Amino acid sequence: VGCFKYSKLASCKGSVLSVTYDREVDLSYSASTMCYDAVNNYLWIAQFSETDSSASFARCYAVNNKTTSSPTLPYQFQISTPLKTQGISVRGNRMMISSSYGRTNDSSLYSYTWDQSSKTKTLKSTKTLPPLSEGVVMGSTYAYIVYESVATEYYSTCSSPVRYFAAYNISNFGI
């Protein structure tokens, strides 16, 4: 995992971004998705597994010294995630996880309430989505999903391709 100051990204203004990381951290697992929860100041990094539920998890890291050139990510805890996790978004007491695998298999979007103090998630809703969902980002009103079916390699062979990202009203997911 590499990090750099947001100001480097903001200053590129549509041009190609060439970045040297301020800090890099090696992980002992394969990261498939991550998100930053600004409410709780945690970085969540999840691993995809198609068949092994013990290898399908998200690890939570505190983000310390984030305004310096040497931020740290001390490990906090791990939670289980659905198989085939492709995206995770945590925002305060809400969590959404996108799960998908295969061009003709439906995707799922899981919504949870999240209790930071007890480190527990409570499933509120599971919705079926078109195949090849990937990342999910929660805004204040909408959850935005990007679909891999937009890739040239998958578009013509996906059973229900989604050409652009999709916005789903969070209030429809019970969180």
Protein backbone atom coordinates (compact mmCIF):
# COMPACT_ATOMS: atom_id res chain seq x y z
CA VAL A 1 0.00 0.00 0.00
CA GLY A 2 1.42 3.34 -0.99
CA CYS A 3 0.35 6.82 0.05
CA PHE A 4 0.99 10.35 -1.07
CA LYS A 5 -0.45 13.74 -0.19
CA TYR A 6 -3.80 14.63 -1.72
CA SER A 7 -2.31 17.93 -2.87
CA LYS A 8 -0.24 15.99 -5.42
CA LEU A 9 -3.42 14.55 -6.90
CA ALA A 10 -5.27 17.86 -6.82
CA SER A 11 -2.42 19.64 -8.57
CA CYS A 12 -2.41 17.33 -11.61
CA LYS A 13 -5.73 18.84 -12.87
CA GLY A 14 -6.40 16.31 -15.61
CA SER A 15 -2.82 15.67 -16.64
CA VAL A 16 -0.97 12.40 -16.10
CA LEU A 17 -0.10 11.96 -12.46
CA SER A 18 3.44 10.88 -11.70
CA VAL A 19 3.79 10.20 -8.00
CA THR A 20 6.49 9.04 -5.69
CA TYR A 21 4.94 7.48 -2.61
CA ASP A 22 5.64 9.20 0.70
CA ARG A 23 5.35 5.84 2.43
CA GLU A 24 4.84 2.23 1.39
CA VAL A 25 3.70 -0.70 3.52
CA ASP A 26 3.95 -4.35 2.46
CA LEU A 27 0.96 -6.57 3.20
CA SER A 28 1.06 -10.29 3.93
CA TYR A 29 -2.03 -10.86 1.78
CA SER A 30 -3.44 -9.80 -1.59
CA ALA A 31 -5.40 -6.58 -1.40
CA SER A 32 -8.37 -6.56 -3.76
CA THR A 33 -10.05 -3.36 -2.56
CA MET A 34 -9.71 -0.66 0.06
CA CYS A 35 -11.46 2.38 1.43
CA TYR A 36 -10.84 5.13 3.92
CA ASP A 37 -13.44 5.80 6.62
CA ALA A 38 -12.93 9.48 7.41
CA VAL A 39 -15.43 9.36 10.28
CA ASN A 40 -13.47 6.77 12.27
CA ASN A 41 -10.04 7.49 10.65
CA TYR A 42 -9.50 3.92 9.47
CA LEU A 43 -8.19 2.38 6.29
CA TRP A 44 -9.97 -0.85 5.35
CA ILE A 45 -8.24 -3.33 3.05
CA ALA A 46 -10.11 -6.45 1.89
CA GLN A 47 -8.95 -9.65 0.25
CA PHE A 48 -10.93 -11.46 -2.45
CA SER A 49 -11.48 -15.21 -2.24
CA GLU A 50 -13.73 -17.14 -4.56
CA THR A 51 -14.16 -20.27 -2.43
CA ASP A 52 -12.30 -20.05 0.91
CA SER A 53 -14.33 -18.15 3.50
CA SER A 54 -11.36 -18.03 5.89
CA ALA A 55 -9.43 -16.06 3.24
CA SER A 56 -12.26 -13.58 2.62
CA PHE A 57 -11.72 -10.76 5.08
CA ALA A 58 -11.17 -7.07 5.59
CA ARG A 59 -8.47 -5.74 7.85
CA CYS A 60 -8.77 -2.40 9.55
CA TYR A 61 -5.84 -0.06 10.16
CA ALA A 62 -5.70 3.20 12.07
CA VAL A 63 -4.25 6.07 10.05
CA ASN A 64 -1.71 7.88 12.20
CA ASN A 65 0.41 10.91 11.34
CA LYS A 66 -1.50 11.35 8.08
CA THR A 67 -0.46 14.99 7.66
CA THR A 68 3.24 14.14 7.85
CA SER A 69 5.57 12.56 5.32
CA SER A 70 5.68 9.39 7.46
CA PRO A 71 2.11 8.21 8.08
CA THR A 72 1.68 4.85 9.82
CA LEU A 73 -0.99 2.16 9.57
CA PRO A 74 -1.09 0.19 12.82
CA TYR A 75 -3.24 -2.94 12.46
CA GLN A 76 -6.46 -2.83 14.51
CA PHE A 77 -8.63 -5.88 13.74
CA GLN A 78 -10.07 -8.15 11.05
CA ILE A 79 -13.64 -8.98 10.06
CA SER A 80 -15.02 -11.64 7.75
CA THR A 81 -16.46 -10.56 4.40
CA PRO A 82 -18.63 -12.34 1.84
CA LEU A 83 -16.91 -14.55 -0.69
CA LYS A 84 -15.89 -12.75 -3.90
CA THR A 85 -15.57 -9.34 -2.23
CA GLN A 86 -14.74 -6.76 -4.89
CA GLY A 87 -15.45 -3.51 -3.06
CA ILE A 88 -15.88 -2.17 0.46
CA SER A 89 -17.04 1.20 1.74
CA VAL A 90 -17.28 2.20 5.39
CA ARG A 91 -18.65 5.54 6.51
CA GLY A 92 -19.13 5.91 10.24
CA ASN A 93 -21.78 3.37 11.29
CA ARG A 94 -22.58 2.19 7.74
CA MET A 95 -20.82 -0.41 5.62
CA MET A 96 -21.40 -1.72 2.09
CA ILE A 97 -19.64 -4.65 0.41
CA SER A 98 -19.83 -5.48 -3.28
CA SER A 99 -19.43 -9.16 -4.19
CA SER A 100 -19.07 -10.47 -7.71
CA TYR A 101 -17.41 -13.07 -9.91
CA GLY A 102 -18.18 -14.12 -13.46
CA ARG A 103 -19.62 -12.50 -16.56
CA THR A 104 -23.00 -14.22 -16.29
CA ASN A 105 -23.37 -14.39 -12.48
CA ASP A 106 -25.36 -11.74 -10.64
CA SER A 107 -23.44 -9.54 -8.21
CA SER A 108 -24.54 -8.81 -4.65
CA LEU A 109 -24.42 -5.63 -2.63
CA TYR A 110 -24.49 -6.19 1.13
CA SER A 111 -25.35 -3.35 3.50
CA TYR A 112 -24.59 -3.41 7.20
CA THR A 113 -24.75 -1.24 10.23
CA TRP A 114 -21.32 -1.06 11.77
CA ASP A 115 -20.58 -0.76 15.49
CA GLN A 116 -17.05 0.58 15.87
CA SER A 117 -16.83 -0.01 19.63
CA SER A 118 -17.79 -3.71 19.49
CA LYS A 119 -16.28 -4.27 16.00
CA THR A 120 -19.44 -5.95 14.74
CA LYS A 121 -21.45 -5.60 11.57
CA THR A 122 -25.17 -6.37 11.34
CA LEU A 123 -26.56 -7.32 7.93
CA LYS A 124 -29.43 -5.05 6.92
CA SER A 125 -29.92 -5.87 3.26
CA THR A 126 -28.62 -7.92 0.34
CA LYS A 127 -29.47 -6.67 -3.13
CA THR A 128 -28.88 -8.40 -6.45
CA LEU A 129 -26.99 -6.34 -9.02
CA PRO A 130 -25.84 -6.96 -12.60
CA PRO A 131 -22.68 -9.06 -13.10
CA LEU A 132 -19.15 -7.75 -12.58
CA SER A 133 -19.70 -5.13 -9.88
CA GLU A 134 -16.46 -3.92 -8.36
CA GLY A 135 -15.77 -0.92 -6.17
CA VAL A 136 -18.41 0.74 -4.03
CA VAL A 137 -18.20 4.25 -2.55
CA MET A 138 -20.81 5.67 -0.19
CA GLY A 139 -21.64 9.33 -0.41
CA SER A 140 -24.13 10.98 1.91
CA THR A 141 -27.14 9.97 -0.24
CA TYR A 142 -25.91 7.53 -2.89
CA ALA A 143 -23.67 4.51 -3.15
CA TYR A 144 -21.71 4.48 -6.38
CA ILE A 145 -20.73 1.18 -7.99
CA VAL A 146 -18.28 0.73 -10.84
CA TYR A 147 -18.70 -2.32 -13.08
CA GLU A 148 -15.91 -4.30 -14.72
CA SER A 149 -18.25 -5.04 -17.63
CA VAL A 150 -17.25 -1.67 -19.10
CA ALA A 151 -13.87 -3.23 -20.01
CA THR A 152 -13.59 -4.14 -23.68
CA GLU A 153 -12.57 -7.68 -22.77
CA TYR A 154 -15.81 -8.33 -20.86
CA TYR A 155 -18.44 -6.07 -22.40
CA SER A 156 -19.52 -8.31 -25.29
CA THR A 157 -19.56 -11.49 -23.16
CA CYS A 158 -21.28 -10.12 -20.04
CA SER A 159 -24.94 -11.12 -19.71
CA SER A 160 -25.99 -7.62 -18.53
CA PRO A 161 -23.18 -5.14 -19.08
CA VAL A 162 -23.25 -1.80 -17.30
CA ARG A 163 -21.45 0.80 -19.34
CA TYR A 164 -21.00 3.45 -16.61
CA PHE A 165 -20.88 3.54 -12.84
CA ALA A 166 -24.28 3.28 -11.18
CA ALA A 167 -25.71 5.32 -8.32
CA TYR A 168 -28.02 3.64 -5.80
CA ASN A 169 -29.93 5.53 -3.13
CA ILE A 170 -28.54 4.38 0.24
CA SER A 171 -31.94 4.73 1.91
CA ASN A 172 -33.10 1.69 -0.12
CA PHE A 173 -30.54 -0.50 1.67
CA GLY A 174 -31.73 -0.16 5.26
CA ILE A 175 -28.75 1.81 6.50
